[in-house]
């Protein structure tokens, strides 16, 4: 499983003009690609990694009182209880070594990938995150303000 984690000031995803997921304030946009040998354990690991990365600072907290004085300067979305927008992204497994047309052979098909994207979202919810998602397989328009910019690629 491969993910792009982006620290964002706000985010939304829409399908056919309808907003299907969004958040305001700081949070994470999590683009997730699934390959053939991924499973529930892989999905839970990527969720834990994304929500636990210390890519925020104290000023991202809505209420500084929620942070004990001993909290390190760099904190995670989990530490701050920030929201996450999860978007399925099969294009993360594009193969581009030959020619000019990407191939998607390494991306898992929908019947494998869709349930694992749900596992990622459910794992994040289990950690206390407010999670919104796109719509699997839809033509989605994702807009957000990358804060930093902060973009990290994780593969498990």
N, C-alpha and C. Protein backbone atom coordinates (compact mmCIF):
# COMPACT_ATOMS: atom_id res chain seq x y z
N UNK A 1 0.86 -1.17 0.00
CA UNK A 1 0.00 0.00 0.00
C UNK A 1 0.90 1.22 0.00
N UNK A 2 0.46 2.20 -0.72
CA UNK A 2 1.23 3.44 -0.87
C UNK A 2 0.28 4.61 -0.56
N UNK A 3 0.81 5.62 0.16
CA UNK A 3 -0.02 6.77 0.49
C UNK A 3 0.78 8.06 0.34
N UNK A 4 0.08 9.08 -0.04
CA UNK A 4 0.63 10.43 0.00
C UNK A 4 -0.13 11.15 1.10
N UNK A 5 0.64 11.66 2.05
CA UNK A 5 0.07 12.35 3.21
C UNK A 5 0.38 13.83 3.04
N UNK A 6 -0.67 14.64 3.04
CA UNK A 6 -0.48 16.07 2.86
C UNK A 6 -1.13 16.82 4.01
N UNK A 7 -0.31 17.65 4.66
CA UNK A 7 -0.84 18.52 5.70
C UNK A 7 -1.63 19.63 5.01
N UNK A 8 -2.86 19.83 5.44
CA UNK A 8 -3.73 20.78 4.75
C UNK A 8 -4.43 21.72 5.72
N UNK A 9 -4.71 22.92 5.24
CA UNK A 9 -5.47 23.89 6.01
C UNK A 9 -6.96 23.66 5.88
N UNK A 10 -7.36 23.08 4.75
CA UNK A 10 -8.76 22.77 4.47
C UNK A 10 -8.76 21.80 3.29
N UNK A 11 -9.87 21.11 3.09
CA UNK A 11 -9.94 20.17 1.98
C UNK A 11 -11.40 19.84 1.68
N UNK A 12 -11.63 19.48 0.41
CA UNK A 12 -12.94 18.97 0.04
C UNK A 12 -12.82 18.12 -1.21
N UNK A 13 -13.73 17.18 -1.33
CA UNK A 13 -13.81 16.35 -2.53
C UNK A 13 -15.26 16.39 -2.99
N UNK A 14 -15.42 16.56 -4.31
CA UNK A 14 -16.77 16.59 -4.86
C UNK A 14 -16.87 15.62 -6.03
N UNK A 15 -18.08 15.15 -6.26
CA UNK A 15 -18.40 14.26 -7.37
C UNK A 15 -19.62 14.85 -8.06
N UNK A 16 -19.50 15.12 -9.35
CA UNK A 16 -20.58 15.71 -10.14
C UNK A 16 -21.15 16.96 -9.48
N UNK A 17 -20.28 17.79 -8.93
CA UNK A 17 -20.69 19.04 -8.33
C UNK A 17 -21.18 18.95 -6.90
N UNK A 18 -21.31 17.74 -6.35
CA UNK A 18 -21.77 17.54 -4.98
C UNK A 18 -20.57 17.30 -4.07
N UNK A 19 -20.45 18.07 -2.99
CA UNK A 19 -19.38 17.86 -2.02
C UNK A 19 -19.72 16.60 -1.23
N UNK A 20 -18.82 15.60 -1.30
CA UNK A 20 -19.06 14.33 -0.60
C UNK A 20 -18.19 14.17 0.63
N UNK A 21 -17.18 15.01 0.79
CA UNK A 21 -16.31 14.96 1.96
C UNK A 21 -15.53 16.25 2.08
N UNK A 22 -15.30 16.70 3.33
CA UNK A 22 -14.55 17.94 3.51
C UNK A 22 -14.13 18.10 4.96
N UNK A 23 -13.22 19.04 5.20
CA UNK A 23 -12.92 19.52 6.54
C UNK A 23 -12.41 20.94 6.45
N UNK A 24 -12.60 21.68 7.55
CA UNK A 24 -12.07 23.03 7.69
C UNK A 24 -11.05 22.99 8.82
N UNK A 25 -10.10 23.90 8.76
CA UNK A 25 -9.06 23.91 9.78
C UNK A 25 -7.96 22.93 9.41
N UNK A 26 -6.94 22.80 10.21
CA UNK A 26 -5.86 21.90 9.85
C UNK A 26 -6.31 20.44 9.86
N UNK A 27 -5.68 19.64 9.01
CA UNK A 27 -5.96 18.22 8.94
C UNK A 27 -5.07 17.56 7.91
N UNK A 28 -5.41 16.34 7.55
CA UNK A 28 -4.61 15.56 6.61
C UNK A 28 -5.46 15.15 5.41
N UNK A 29 -4.88 15.33 4.23
CA UNK A 29 -5.43 14.72 3.02
C UNK A 29 -4.60 13.47 2.79
N UNK A 30 -5.26 12.32 2.74
CA UNK A 30 -4.59 11.04 2.62
C UNK A 30 -5.03 10.36 1.32
N UNK A 31 -4.12 10.36 0.34
CA UNK A 31 -4.36 9.68 -0.93
C UNK A 31 -3.80 8.28 -0.80
N UNK A 32 -4.62 7.26 -1.05
CA UNK A 32 -4.22 5.88 -0.78
C UNK A 32 -4.32 5.03 -2.04
N UNK A 33 -3.22 4.36 -2.38
CA UNK A 33 -3.19 3.42 -3.48
C UNK A 33 -3.02 2.01 -2.95
N UNK A 34 -3.75 1.08 -3.54
CA UNK A 34 -3.73 -0.32 -3.09
C UNK A 34 -3.14 -1.18 -4.21
N UNK A 35 -2.27 -2.11 -3.82
CA UNK A 35 -1.72 -3.06 -4.78
C UNK A 35 -2.22 -4.46 -4.43
N UNK A 36 -1.88 -5.44 -5.25
CA UNK A 36 -2.48 -6.77 -5.19
C UNK A 36 -2.27 -7.54 -3.89
N UNK A 37 -1.15 -7.37 -3.22
CA UNK A 37 -0.88 -8.18 -2.03
C UNK A 37 -1.20 -7.45 -0.72
N UNK A 38 -1.88 -6.32 -0.78
CA UNK A 38 -2.27 -5.61 0.43
C UNK A 38 -3.41 -6.33 1.12
N UNK A 39 -3.52 -6.13 2.43
CA UNK A 39 -4.58 -6.75 3.21
C UNK A 39 -5.01 -5.82 4.33
N UNK A 40 -5.88 -6.30 5.21
CA UNK A 40 -6.39 -5.47 6.31
C UNK A 40 -5.27 -4.96 7.20
N UNK A 41 -4.28 -5.79 7.43
CA UNK A 41 -3.15 -5.39 8.27
C UNK A 41 -2.37 -4.24 7.65
N UNK A 42 -2.15 -4.32 6.34
CA UNK A 42 -1.45 -3.25 5.63
C UNK A 42 -2.25 -1.95 5.73
N UNK A 43 -3.55 -2.05 5.56
CA UNK A 43 -4.42 -0.87 5.62
C UNK A 43 -4.39 -0.23 7.00
N UNK A 44 -4.44 -1.05 8.05
CA UNK A 44 -4.39 -0.53 9.41
C UNK A 44 -3.04 0.12 9.69
N UNK A 45 -1.97 -0.45 9.15
CA UNK A 45 -0.63 0.10 9.35
C UNK A 45 -0.49 1.46 8.69
N UNK A 46 -1.00 1.59 7.48
CA UNK A 46 -0.89 2.88 6.78
C UNK A 46 -1.71 3.95 7.51
N UNK A 47 -2.86 3.58 8.04
CA UNK A 47 -3.69 4.52 8.79
C UNK A 47 -2.95 4.98 10.05
N UNK A 48 -2.37 4.04 10.76
CA UNK A 48 -1.64 4.36 11.99
C UNK A 48 -0.45 5.27 11.69
N UNK A 49 0.27 4.95 10.64
CA UNK A 49 1.44 5.74 10.26
C UNK A 49 1.02 7.17 9.90
N UNK A 50 0.00 7.30 9.08
CA UNK A 50 -0.45 8.62 8.63
C UNK A 50 -0.92 9.49 9.79
N UNK A 51 -1.72 8.91 10.67
CA UNK A 51 -2.29 9.69 11.76
C UNK A 51 -1.27 9.98 12.86
N UNK A 52 -0.22 9.16 12.91
CA UNK A 52 0.78 9.32 13.96
C UNK A 52 2.01 10.11 13.56
N UNK A 53 2.16 10.45 12.28
CA UNK A 53 3.34 11.22 11.86
C UNK A 53 3.35 12.59 12.52
N UNK A 54 4.49 12.96 13.06
CA UNK A 54 4.61 14.25 13.74
C UNK A 54 4.96 15.33 12.71
N UNK A 55 3.92 15.79 12.01
CA UNK A 55 4.10 16.78 10.94
C UNK A 55 3.38 18.10 11.24
N UNK A 56 2.85 18.22 12.45
CA UNK A 56 2.18 19.45 12.87
C UNK A 56 2.97 20.07 14.02
N UNK A 57 2.64 21.31 14.33
CA UNK A 57 3.25 22.02 15.45
C UNK A 57 2.15 22.52 16.37
N UNK A 58 2.53 22.99 17.53
CA UNK A 58 1.55 23.44 18.52
C UNK A 58 0.57 24.46 17.95
N UNK A 59 1.03 25.34 17.08
CA UNK A 59 0.13 26.38 16.57
C UNK A 59 -1.01 25.81 15.73
N UNK A 60 -0.92 24.54 15.33
CA UNK A 60 -2.01 23.90 14.60
C UNK A 60 -3.16 23.47 15.53
N UNK A 61 -2.91 23.47 16.84
CA UNK A 61 -3.94 23.04 17.79
C UNK A 61 -5.04 24.08 17.88
N UNK A 62 -6.27 23.63 17.90
CA UNK A 62 -7.40 24.55 18.06
C UNK A 62 -7.47 25.04 19.50
N UNK A 63 -7.02 24.20 20.42
CA UNK A 63 -7.04 24.54 21.84
C UNK A 63 -5.72 24.08 22.46
N UNK A 64 -4.83 25.02 22.72
CA UNK A 64 -3.52 24.66 23.27
C UNK A 64 -3.62 24.00 24.64
N UNK A 65 -4.75 24.17 25.32
CA UNK A 65 -4.94 23.55 26.63
C UNK A 65 -4.98 22.03 26.52
N UNK A 66 -5.24 21.51 25.31
CA UNK A 66 -5.31 20.05 25.14
C UNK A 66 -3.91 19.42 25.15
N UNK A 67 -2.87 20.25 25.09
CA UNK A 67 -1.50 19.73 25.03
C UNK A 67 -0.81 19.90 26.39
N UNK A 68 -0.33 18.80 26.97
CA UNK A 68 0.42 18.92 28.22
C UNK A 68 1.71 19.72 27.99
N UNK A 69 2.21 20.39 29.00
CA UNK A 69 3.42 21.21 28.84
C UNK A 69 4.63 20.43 28.31
N UNK A 70 4.67 19.15 28.56
CA UNK A 70 5.82 18.34 28.13
C UNK A 70 5.73 17.86 26.68
N UNK A 71 4.67 18.25 25.97
CA UNK A 71 4.47 17.81 24.59
C UNK A 71 5.59 18.36 23.71
N UNK A 72 6.19 17.50 22.86
CA UNK A 72 7.23 18.00 21.95
C UNK A 72 6.67 19.04 20.99
N UNK A 73 7.56 19.83 20.40
CA UNK A 73 7.14 20.88 19.46
C UNK A 73 6.41 20.28 18.27
N UNK A 74 6.91 19.17 17.74
CA UNK A 74 6.28 18.51 16.61
C UNK A 74 5.27 17.49 17.13
N UNK A 75 4.05 17.59 16.65
CA UNK A 75 2.98 16.70 17.11
C UNK A 75 2.27 16.09 15.90
N UNK A 76 1.51 15.07 16.17
CA UNK A 76 0.79 14.37 15.10
C UNK A 76 -0.66 14.85 15.02
N UNK A 77 -1.31 14.47 13.93
CA UNK A 77 -2.74 14.73 13.80
C UNK A 77 -3.49 14.02 14.92
N UNK A 78 -3.01 12.85 15.32
CA UNK A 78 -3.63 12.11 16.43
C UNK A 78 -3.54 12.91 17.73
N UNK A 79 -2.35 13.50 17.99
CA UNK A 79 -2.16 14.30 19.21
C UNK A 79 -3.15 15.46 19.27
N UNK A 80 -3.46 16.03 18.11
CA UNK A 80 -4.32 17.21 18.05
C UNK A 80 -5.77 16.88 17.73
N UNK A 81 -6.07 15.61 17.44
CA UNK A 81 -7.44 15.22 17.10
C UNK A 81 -7.93 15.84 15.81
N UNK A 82 -7.05 15.90 14.81
CA UNK A 82 -7.38 16.57 13.56
C UNK A 82 -8.12 15.64 12.58
N UNK A 83 -8.87 16.22 11.67
CA UNK A 83 -9.63 15.44 10.69
C UNK A 83 -8.76 14.91 9.55
N UNK A 84 -9.29 13.91 8.86
CA UNK A 84 -8.60 13.29 7.73
C UNK A 84 -9.59 13.13 6.58
N UNK A 85 -9.14 13.49 5.38
CA UNK A 85 -9.90 13.24 4.17
C UNK A 85 -9.19 12.11 3.43
N UNK A 86 -9.84 10.96 3.29
CA UNK A 86 -9.25 9.78 2.65
C UNK A 86 -9.78 9.67 1.23
N UNK A 87 -8.85 9.58 0.27
CA UNK A 87 -9.20 9.49 -1.15
C UNK A 87 -8.50 8.28 -1.76
N UNK A 88 -9.26 7.39 -2.39
CA UNK A 88 -8.65 6.28 -3.12
C UNK A 88 -7.92 6.83 -4.33
N UNK A 89 -6.75 6.28 -4.62
CA UNK A 89 -5.90 6.85 -5.67
C UNK A 89 -5.10 5.75 -6.36
N UNK A 90 -5.75 5.02 -7.28
CA UNK A 90 -5.06 3.92 -7.95
C UNK A 90 -3.87 4.41 -8.76
N UNK A 91 -3.87 5.68 -9.15
CA UNK A 91 -2.78 6.21 -9.97
C UNK A 91 -1.45 6.26 -9.22
N UNK A 92 -1.45 6.05 -7.91
CA UNK A 92 -0.19 5.98 -7.17
C UNK A 92 0.64 4.78 -7.59
N UNK A 93 0.01 3.81 -8.25
CA UNK A 93 0.73 2.64 -8.74
C UNK A 93 0.95 2.69 -10.25
N UNK A 94 1.00 3.88 -10.81
CA UNK A 94 1.28 4.03 -12.24
C UNK A 94 2.70 3.56 -12.53
N UNK A 95 2.86 2.82 -13.61
CA UNK A 95 4.18 2.40 -14.08
C UNK A 95 4.52 3.29 -15.27
N UNK A 96 5.64 4.02 -15.15
CA UNK A 96 5.98 5.01 -16.17
C UNK A 96 7.38 4.83 -16.74
N UNK A 97 8.02 3.69 -16.48
CA UNK A 97 9.39 3.50 -16.94
C UNK A 97 9.51 3.42 -18.46
N UNK A 98 8.53 2.82 -19.11
CA UNK A 98 8.57 2.67 -20.57
C UNK A 98 7.53 3.57 -21.22
N UNK A 99 7.93 4.22 -22.26
CA UNK A 99 7.00 5.00 -23.06
C UNK A 99 6.41 6.20 -22.33
N UNK A 100 5.31 6.67 -22.87
CA UNK A 100 4.67 7.87 -22.34
C UNK A 100 3.27 7.62 -21.81
N UNK A 101 2.82 6.38 -21.90
CA UNK A 101 1.49 6.06 -21.41
C UNK A 101 1.63 5.21 -20.15
N UNK A 102 1.15 5.73 -19.01
CA UNK A 102 1.24 4.94 -17.78
C UNK A 102 0.42 3.66 -17.88
N UNK A 103 0.88 2.64 -17.19
CA UNK A 103 0.09 1.42 -17.05
C UNK A 103 -0.28 1.28 -15.58
N UNK A 104 -1.36 0.56 -15.32
CA UNK A 104 -1.89 0.45 -13.96
C UNK A 104 -1.86 -0.98 -13.46
N UNK A 105 -1.00 -1.83 -14.01
CA UNK A 105 -0.97 -3.25 -13.65
C UNK A 105 -0.72 -3.49 -12.16
N UNK A 106 0.03 -2.63 -11.53
CA UNK A 106 0.35 -2.83 -10.11
C UNK A 106 -0.79 -2.40 -9.18
N UNK A 107 -1.75 -1.66 -9.69
CA UNK A 107 -2.89 -1.23 -8.88
C UNK A 107 -3.89 -2.38 -8.75
N UNK A 108 -4.38 -2.58 -7.54
CA UNK A 108 -5.37 -3.64 -7.31
C UNK A 108 -6.70 -3.24 -7.93
N UNK A 109 -7.46 -4.23 -8.44
CA UNK A 109 -8.78 -3.92 -8.99
C UNK A 109 -9.76 -3.53 -7.88
N UNK A 110 -10.85 -2.89 -8.28
CA UNK A 110 -11.85 -2.39 -7.34
C UNK A 110 -12.31 -3.37 -6.27
N UNK A 111 -12.63 -4.63 -6.63
CA UNK A 111 -13.12 -5.55 -5.60
C UNK A 111 -12.09 -5.83 -4.48
N UNK A 112 -10.82 -5.63 -4.78
CA UNK A 112 -9.79 -5.78 -3.75
C UNK A 112 -9.54 -4.44 -3.06
N UNK A 113 -9.43 -3.38 -3.85
CA UNK A 113 -9.03 -2.07 -3.32
C UNK A 113 -10.11 -1.39 -2.48
N UNK A 114 -11.34 -1.41 -2.95
CA UNK A 114 -12.39 -0.65 -2.25
C UNK A 114 -12.56 -1.07 -0.78
N UNK A 115 -12.63 -2.37 -0.47
CA UNK A 115 -12.76 -2.73 0.95
C UNK A 115 -11.54 -2.30 1.78
N UNK A 116 -10.36 -2.26 1.17
CA UNK A 116 -9.16 -1.86 1.92
C UNK A 116 -9.13 -0.36 2.17
N UNK A 117 -9.66 0.43 1.25
CA UNK A 117 -9.80 1.86 1.50
C UNK A 117 -10.76 2.07 2.68
N UNK A 118 -11.82 1.28 2.73
CA UNK A 118 -12.75 1.35 3.87
C UNK A 118 -12.06 0.97 5.18
N UNK A 119 -11.17 -0.01 5.13
CA UNK A 119 -10.43 -0.41 6.33
C UNK A 119 -9.55 0.74 6.82
N UNK A 120 -8.90 1.44 5.89
CA UNK A 120 -8.08 2.60 6.27
C UNK A 120 -8.95 3.63 6.98
N UNK A 121 -10.09 3.98 6.39
CA UNK A 121 -10.99 4.98 6.99
C UNK A 121 -11.50 4.52 8.35
N UNK A 122 -11.88 3.25 8.45
CA UNK A 122 -12.39 2.73 9.72
C UNK A 122 -11.31 2.69 10.79
N UNK A 123 -10.07 2.37 10.40
CA UNK A 123 -8.96 2.35 11.37
C UNK A 123 -8.72 3.77 11.91
N UNK A 124 -8.78 4.75 11.03
CA UNK A 124 -8.62 6.14 11.47
C UNK A 124 -9.74 6.55 12.43
N UNK A 125 -10.96 6.15 12.11
CA UNK A 125 -12.09 6.45 13.00
C UNK A 125 -11.87 5.79 14.36
N UNK A 126 -11.33 4.58 14.34
CA UNK A 126 -11.04 3.87 15.58
C UNK A 126 -10.00 4.57 16.44
N UNK A 127 -9.18 5.41 15.82
CA UNK A 127 -8.18 6.20 16.55
C UNK A 127 -8.73 7.55 16.99
N UNK A 128 -10.01 7.79 16.70
CA UNK A 128 -10.64 9.03 17.11
C UNK A 128 -10.69 10.11 16.06
N UNK A 129 -10.25 9.82 14.84
CA UNK A 129 -10.23 10.84 13.78
C UNK A 129 -11.64 11.05 13.22
N UNK A 130 -11.93 12.29 12.91
CA UNK A 130 -13.11 12.61 12.11
C UNK A 130 -12.69 12.36 10.66
N UNK A 131 -13.31 11.40 10.01
CA UNK A 131 -12.88 10.98 8.67
C UNK A 131 -13.99 11.25 7.66
N UNK A 132 -13.60 11.86 6.56
CA UNK A 132 -14.49 11.96 5.42
C UNK A 132 -13.77 11.32 4.24
N UNK A 133 -14.53 10.90 3.25
CA UNK A 133 -13.94 10.16 2.14
C UNK A 133 -14.50 10.66 0.82
N UNK A 134 -13.80 10.27 -0.22
CA UNK A 134 -14.32 10.46 -1.56
C UNK A 134 -15.29 9.33 -1.87
N UNK A 135 -15.57 9.15 -3.13
CA UNK A 135 -16.45 8.06 -3.58
C UNK A 135 -15.62 7.16 -4.48
N UNK A 136 -15.44 5.92 -4.05
CA UNK A 136 -14.56 4.99 -4.76
C UNK A 136 -14.98 4.86 -6.23
N UNK A 137 -14.01 4.97 -7.12
CA UNK A 137 -14.24 4.77 -8.55
C UNK A 137 -14.87 5.95 -9.27
N UNK A 138 -15.22 6.99 -8.55
CA UNK A 138 -15.88 8.14 -9.17
C UNK A 138 -14.85 9.11 -9.74
N UNK A 139 -15.29 9.96 -10.63
CA UNK A 139 -14.49 11.07 -11.13
C UNK A 139 -14.58 12.16 -10.06
N UNK A 140 -13.55 12.28 -9.23
CA UNK A 140 -13.57 13.19 -8.09
C UNK A 140 -12.75 14.43 -8.38
N UNK A 141 -13.20 15.54 -7.82
CA UNK A 141 -12.43 16.78 -7.84
C UNK A 141 -12.03 17.06 -6.40
N UNK A 142 -10.73 17.05 -6.16
CA UNK A 142 -10.20 17.24 -4.82
C UNK A 142 -9.52 18.60 -4.77
N UNK A 143 -9.94 19.42 -3.82
CA UNK A 143 -9.30 20.72 -3.63
C UNK A 143 -8.89 20.85 -2.18
N UNK A 144 -7.71 21.43 -1.98
CA UNK A 144 -7.23 21.66 -0.61
C UNK A 144 -6.10 22.67 -0.65
N UNK A 145 -5.80 23.19 0.52
CA UNK A 145 -4.68 24.11 0.67
C UNK A 145 -3.58 23.35 1.39
N UNK A 146 -2.52 23.02 0.66
CA UNK A 146 -1.38 22.31 1.26
C UNK A 146 -0.68 23.28 2.17
N UNK A 147 -0.49 22.89 3.43
CA UNK A 147 0.09 23.76 4.44
C UNK A 147 1.58 23.44 4.59
N UNK A 148 2.40 24.34 4.19
CA UNK A 148 3.84 24.15 4.34
C UNK A 148 4.63 24.59 3.13
N UNK A 149 4.59 23.91 2.04
CA UNK A 149 3.87 22.67 1.76
C UNK A 149 4.49 21.48 2.51
N UNK A 150 3.63 20.56 2.86
CA UNK A 150 4.06 19.34 3.55
C UNK A 150 3.41 18.17 2.84
N UNK A 151 4.25 17.39 2.13
CA UNK A 151 3.79 16.23 1.40
C UNK A 151 4.77 15.09 1.65
N UNK A 152 4.27 13.96 2.13
CA UNK A 152 5.11 12.81 2.47
C UNK A 152 4.55 11.57 1.80
N UNK A 153 5.44 10.77 1.24
CA UNK A 153 5.06 9.50 0.62
C UNK A 153 5.43 8.38 1.59
N UNK A 154 4.46 7.51 1.84
CA UNK A 154 4.68 6.37 2.74
C UNK A 154 4.30 5.10 2.00
N UNK A 155 5.11 4.07 2.16
CA UNK A 155 4.80 2.78 1.58
C UNK A 155 5.00 1.71 2.63
N UNK A 156 4.00 0.85 2.79
CA UNK A 156 4.10 -0.27 3.74
C UNK A 156 3.72 -1.56 3.05
